Amino acid sequence: MSALVACDLDRTLIYSPKAFWLETPDPEAPSIIVSELWNGVPISFMTRESERLLIELRSQAVFMPVTTRTVAQYQRVQLPGGAPAYAITSNGGEILVDGVPDADWRDRLRAHLTDHTAPLDEALARFEELASPTWILKTNVADALFFYSIVERDAIPTGWLEQVEQECERLGWTVSLQGRKLYCVPRTLTKHDAVSEVARRLDGPLVLAAGDSLLDQSMLETADLAFRPAHGELDDEGFTIDTLTVTERRGILAGEELLQLMTAAAVRGC
């Protein structure tokens, strides 16, 4: 296959109920299937049509999930067609090959982070100095690479996020607010670098990329063809480039549209 499709998961391919943004009457809503369980409770979904479209896309291209989720969080997601041969988790920190983290990539990536960014402990300590339990409900460390917090967005004071961004920039880290999750990630820990590594291993296929957040931006900018939904951080920022296609719909129906667009592009590329 001559196309590699690098696709973000949350709010791009799969959706929590709060991100459905369905504007049709309930009797006219699309059929929806469960994509993820957590402690036995369904928490992520796609439409039945997205399920069909993803199976079709996987027959035309190498489909690769690319997510900021940890390995354990990614493994909860059940995609139609079974586990892909390649997946990228931890915002590029892990490349999974047939479900197993690639040791060579892991070692090279961690050595690179040590040389180019402030260590996790230092960034986390500075963040905690600035944080308050009024708006930071919980903070988790992800695969010993970065950290993220569950936030009460309405309680965040004016100017606080900008202060965090400035401190992270000073340490060589970056910030992304996605829904109720605030991510603090080393600037050199990127989805783009991991996608480029997989593309190299596949002898340079046409690369298609889709995502909705600032952490997806470099991946979209360096892909041959880029796609994003009409929602999310990148939409809020008005992000656009010459190679980008934006959906007309938002929410879970944008997931369908993205799959339609990428399948058509993969077929043309082949």
Protein backbone atom coordinates (compact mmCIF):
# COMPACT_ATOMS: atom_id res chain seq x y z
CA MET A 1 0.00 0.00 0.00
CA SER A 2 1.34 3.44 -0.92
CA ALA A 3 -0.43 5.58 1.70
CA LEU A 4 0.06 5.88 5.46
CA VAL A 5 -2.87 7.41 7.37
CA ALA A 6 -1.80 8.89 10.71
CA CYS A 7 -4.99 9.59 12.63
CA ASP A 8 -5.53 11.14 16.05
CA LEU A 9 -8.12 9.36 18.20
CA ASP A 10 -10.02 11.51 20.69
CA ARG A 11 -12.32 14.11 19.11
CA THR A 12 -11.00 13.13 15.68
CA LEU A 13 -11.95 9.48 15.25
CA ILE A 14 -13.67 8.58 18.54
CA TYR A 15 -15.83 10.79 20.74
CA SER A 16 -17.05 11.07 24.31
CA PRO A 17 -20.77 11.87 24.70
CA LYS A 18 -19.92 15.50 25.56
CA ALA A 19 -18.23 15.88 22.17
CA PHE A 20 -21.00 14.39 20.00
CA TRP A 21 -22.41 17.84 19.10
CA LEU A 22 -25.38 16.22 17.40
CA GLU A 23 -27.85 18.78 16.13
CA THR A 24 -30.47 16.39 14.79
CA PRO A 25 -33.58 15.22 16.69
CA ASP A 26 -32.87 12.03 18.63
CA PRO A 27 -35.00 9.82 16.33
CA GLU A 28 -32.84 10.97 13.39
CA ALA A 29 -29.49 10.52 15.14
CA PRO A 30 -26.94 8.16 13.55
CA SER A 31 -26.43 4.66 14.85
CA ILE A 32 -23.55 4.78 17.36
CA ILE A 33 -21.23 2.01 18.53
CA VAL A 34 -18.94 1.71 21.56
CA SER A 35 -15.21 2.17 20.94
CA GLU A 36 -13.92 2.10 24.51
CA LEU A 37 -14.85 0.79 27.96
CA TRP A 38 -13.40 2.00 31.25
CA ASN A 39 -14.18 -0.09 34.32
CA GLY A 40 -16.96 -1.69 32.30
CA VAL A 41 -18.57 1.64 31.37
CA PRO A 42 -18.75 2.85 27.72
CA ILE A 43 -16.91 6.16 27.41
CA SER A 44 -15.89 6.58 23.74
CA PHE A 45 -17.88 6.04 20.56
CA MET A 46 -18.00 6.30 16.79
CA THR A 47 -20.92 6.05 14.39
CA ARG A 48 -21.80 2.81 12.68
CA GLU A 49 -21.00 4.51 9.38
CA SER A 50 -17.55 5.45 10.71
CA GLU A 51 -16.98 1.79 11.53
CA ARG A 52 -17.77 0.85 7.92
CA LEU A 53 -15.64 3.67 6.53
CA LEU A 54 -12.66 2.77 8.70
CA ILE A 55 -12.75 -0.82 7.49
CA GLU A 56 -12.81 0.49 3.92
CA LEU A 57 -9.92 2.87 4.60
CA ARG A 58 -7.86 0.08 6.10
CA SER A 59 -8.29 -1.89 2.87
CA GLN A 60 -6.76 1.00 0.92
CA ALA A 61 -3.96 2.26 3.18
CA VAL A 62 -1.84 1.57 6.25
CA PHE A 63 -3.97 3.01 9.04
CA MET A 64 -2.05 4.13 12.13
CA PRO A 65 -3.63 5.61 15.29
CA VAL A 66 -1.55 8.50 16.67
CA THR A 67 -2.52 9.61 20.15
CA THR A 68 -1.42 11.44 23.27
CA ARG A 69 -2.95 8.59 25.29
CA THR A 70 -0.59 6.34 27.21
CA VAL A 71 -0.06 2.78 26.02
CA ALA A 72 -2.56 1.48 28.61
CA GLN A 73 -5.17 4.08 27.65
CA TYR A 74 -4.73 3.29 23.96
CA GLN A 75 -5.14 -0.43 24.58
CA ARG A 76 -8.67 0.19 25.88
CA VAL A 77 -9.76 1.40 22.43
CA GLN A 78 -11.32 -1.26 20.20
CA LEU A 79 -11.15 -0.33 16.53
CA PRO A 80 -12.95 -2.15 13.71
CA GLY A 81 -10.64 -4.49 11.87
CA GLY A 82 -8.55 -5.33 14.92
CA ALA A 83 -5.38 -3.78 16.28
CA PRO A 84 -3.37 -1.94 13.59
CA ALA A 85 0.17 -3.11 12.80
CA TYR A 86 1.52 0.30 13.82
CA ALA A 87 0.32 2.74 16.47
CA ILE A 88 1.88 5.79 18.09
CA THR A 89 1.05 6.60 21.71
CA SER A 90 2.26 9.00 24.40
CA ASN A 91 2.39 11.90 21.91
CA GLY A 92 5.14 10.14 19.96
CA GLY A 93 6.89 8.62 22.97
CA GLU A 94 6.07 5.06 21.93
CA ILE A 95 5.81 3.34 18.57
CA LEU A 96 3.88 0.09 18.89
CA VAL A 97 4.64 -2.61 16.33
CA ASP A 98 2.00 -5.33 16.45
CA GLY A 99 1.06 -4.01 19.88
CA VAL A 100 4.59 -4.10 21.33
CA PRO A 101 6.59 -0.91 22.14
CA ASP A 102 9.62 -0.58 19.88
CA ALA A 103 12.69 -0.61 22.15
CA ASP A 104 15.00 1.15 19.68
CA TRP A 105 12.64 4.10 19.26
CA ARG A 106 12.03 4.30 23.01
CA ASP A 107 15.75 4.46 23.80
CA ARG A 108 16.58 7.02 21.10
CA LEU A 109 13.63 9.23 21.98
CA ARG A 110 14.41 9.33 25.69
CA ALA A 111 18.05 10.15 25.05
CA HIS A 112 16.95 13.00 22.80
CA LEU A 113 14.62 14.39 25.48
CA THR A 114 17.38 14.29 28.07
CA ASP A 115 19.61 16.38 25.80
CA HIS A 116 17.02 18.97 24.73
CA THR A 117 14.42 19.64 27.44
CA ALA A 118 14.14 20.18 31.17
CA PRO A 119 13.42 16.92 33.02
CA LEU A 120 9.91 15.86 33.91
CA ASP A 121 10.43 16.36 37.65
CA GLU A 122 11.50 19.98 37.17
CA ALA A 123 8.60 20.86 34.86
CA LEU A 124 6.06 19.14 37.13
CA ALA A 125 7.40 20.89 40.23
CA ARG A 126 7.14 24.30 38.59
CA PHE A 127 3.61 23.53 37.38
CA GLU A 128 2.52 22.48 40.86
CA GLU A 129 3.85 25.77 42.25
CA LEU A 130 1.49 27.60 39.90
CA ALA A 131 -1.49 25.25 40.24
CA SER A 132 -4.42 25.49 42.63
CA PRO A 133 -6.92 22.79 43.69
CA THR A 134 -9.62 25.33 42.81
CA TRP A 135 -9.15 24.58 39.12
CA ILE A 136 -6.66 21.67 38.99
CA LEU A 137 -8.60 18.61 40.11
CA LYS A 138 -5.98 15.91 39.45
CA THR A 139 -2.58 15.60 37.79
CA ASN A 140 -1.23 12.40 36.22
CA VAL A 141 2.18 11.48 34.82
CA ALA A 142 1.98 9.70 31.46
CA ASP A 143 4.51 6.95 30.70
CA ALA A 144 7.21 8.92 32.58
CA LEU A 145 7.30 11.34 29.63
CA PHE A 146 4.86 14.20 30.33
CA PHE A 147 1.94 15.09 32.59
CA TYR A 148 -1.64 16.21 32.24
CA SER A 149 -4.26 17.62 34.59
CA ILE A 150 -8.02 17.37 34.83
CA VAL A 151 -9.17 20.97 35.10
CA GLU A 152 -12.25 22.98 35.98
CA ARG A 153 -12.10 25.29 32.99
CA ASP A 154 -14.60 27.85 34.26
CA ALA A 155 -12.55 28.31 37.43
CA ILE A 156 -9.22 29.02 35.69
CA PRO A 157 -8.34 32.66 36.41
CA THR A 158 -7.59 35.09 33.62
CA GLY A 159 -3.93 35.02 32.67
CA TRP A 160 -3.06 31.80 34.51
CA LEU A 161 -2.85 29.63 31.38
CA GLU A 162 -0.60 32.20 29.70
CA GLN A 163 1.68 32.10 32.76
CA VAL A 164 1.90 28.30 32.56
CA GLU A 165 2.66 28.53 28.84
CA GLN A 166 5.49 31.00 29.49
CA GLU A 167 7.03 28.81 32.19
CA CYS A 168 6.77 25.70 30.03
CA GLU A 169 8.33 27.56 27.10
CA ARG A 170 11.26 28.52 29.32
CA LEU A 171 11.78 24.84 30.20
CA GLY A 172 11.41 23.61 26.61
CA TRP A 173 7.88 22.31 27.15
CA THR A 174 4.55 23.10 25.51
CA VAL A 175 0.93 23.30 26.69
CA SER A 176 -2.33 22.09 25.15
CA LEU A 177 -5.83 22.43 26.64
CA GLN A 178 -8.19 19.77 25.23
CA GLY A 179 -11.62 19.70 26.78
CA ARG A 180 -11.03 19.23 30.52
CA LYS A 181 -7.45 17.99 30.07
CA LEU A 182 -4.46 20.30 30.22
CA TYR A 183 -1.34 18.67 28.75
CA CYS A 184 2.23 19.74 29.50
CA VAL A 185 4.59 18.02 27.06
CA PRO A 186 8.29 18.38 26.14
CA ARG A 187 8.48 20.46 22.98
CA THR A 188 10.66 17.86 21.26
CA LEU A 189 8.22 15.02 22.09
CA THR A 190 6.07 15.14 18.96
CA LYS A 191 3.71 12.97 17.01
CA HIS A 192 5.39 14.25 13.85
CA ASP A 193 8.78 12.68 14.62
CA ALA A 194 7.23 9.29 15.36
CA VAL A 195 5.10 9.40 12.19
CA SER A 196 8.21 10.26 10.18
CA GLU A 197 10.00 7.25 11.68
CA VAL A 198 7.21 4.86 10.69
CA ALA A 199 7.03 6.41 7.20
CA ARG A 200 10.79 5.83 6.86
CA ARG A 201 10.36 2.19 7.79
CA LEU A 202 7.62 1.86 5.17
CA ASP A 203 9.90 3.33 2.47
CA GLY A 204 8.30 6.74 2.19
CA PRO A 205 4.59 6.34 1.48
CA LEU A 206 2.19 9.22 0.87
CA VAL A 207 1.39 10.46 4.38
CA LEU A 208 -2.12 11.58 5.31
CA ALA A 209 -2.68 13.02 8.78
CA ALA A 210 -5.76 14.04 10.77
CA GLY A 211 -6.10 15.72 14.16
CA ASP A 212 -7.85 18.46 16.10
CA SER A 213 -5.42 19.75 18.76
CA LEU A 214 -2.29 21.87 18.95
CA LEU A 215 -0.34 18.70 19.67
CA ASP A 216 -1.38 17.51 16.19
CA GLN A 217 -0.29 20.67 14.38
CA SER A 218 3.26 19.69 13.41
CA MET A 219 2.00 16.30 12.23
CA LEU A 220 -0.51 18.04 9.95
CA GLU A 221 2.04 20.58 8.73
CA THR A 222 4.52 17.92 7.61
CA ALA A 223 2.04 15.45 6.08
CA ASP A 224 1.51 15.31 2.32
CA LEU A 225 -2.22 15.83 2.92
CA ALA A 226 -3.78 17.06 6.16
CA PHE A 227 -7.31 16.96 7.55
CA ARG A 228 -8.98 18.37 10.65
CA PRO A 229 -12.51 18.56 12.02
CA ALA A 230 -14.42 21.84 12.35
CA HIS A 231 -13.91 21.81 16.12
CA GLY A 232 -11.08 21.64 18.65
CA GLU A 233 -8.02 23.74 19.44
CA LEU A 234 -6.87 24.03 15.83
CA ASP A 235 -10.31 25.20 14.75
CA ASP A 236 -10.40 27.73 17.60
CA GLU A 237 -7.03 29.04 16.38
CA GLY A 238 -8.21 29.15 12.75
CA PHE A 239 -5.32 26.88 11.75
CA THR A 240 -4.98 26.41 8.01
CA ILE A 241 -2.29 25.43 5.49
CA ASP A 242 -2.38 24.80 1.74
CA THR A 243 -2.52 21.01 2.14
CA LEU A 244 -5.34 21.07 4.72
CA THR A 245 -8.98 20.07 4.28
CA VAL A 246 -11.46 21.01 7.02
CA THR A 247 -14.73 19.13 7.53
CA GLU A 248 -18.06 20.85 7.09
CA ARG A 249 -19.48 19.04 10.12
CA ARG A 250 -18.30 18.96 13.70
CA GLY A 251 -18.48 16.40 16.48
CA ILE A 252 -18.99 12.71 15.89
CA LEU A 253 -20.29 13.32 12.36
CA ALA A 254 -17.01 15.06 11.54
CA GLY A 255 -15.37 11.72 12.30
CA GLU A 256 -17.40 10.18 9.49
CA GLU A 257 -16.49 12.99 7.12
CA LEU A 258 -12.78 12.72 7.89
CA LEU A 259 -12.82 9.02 7.06
CA GLN A 260 -14.62 9.71 3.79
CA LEU A 261 -12.07 12.38 2.84
CA MET A 262 -9.05 10.29 3.78
CA THR A 263 -10.31 7.19 1.99
CA ALA A 264 -10.84 9.17 -1.20
CA ALA A 265 -7.36 10.70 -0.87
CA ALA A 266 -5.75 7.32 -0.22
CA VAL A 267 -7.41 5.85 -3.30
CA ARG A 268 -6.21 8.77 -5.43
CA GLY A 269 -2.73 8.39 -3.96
CA CYS A 270 -2.64 4.70 -4.84
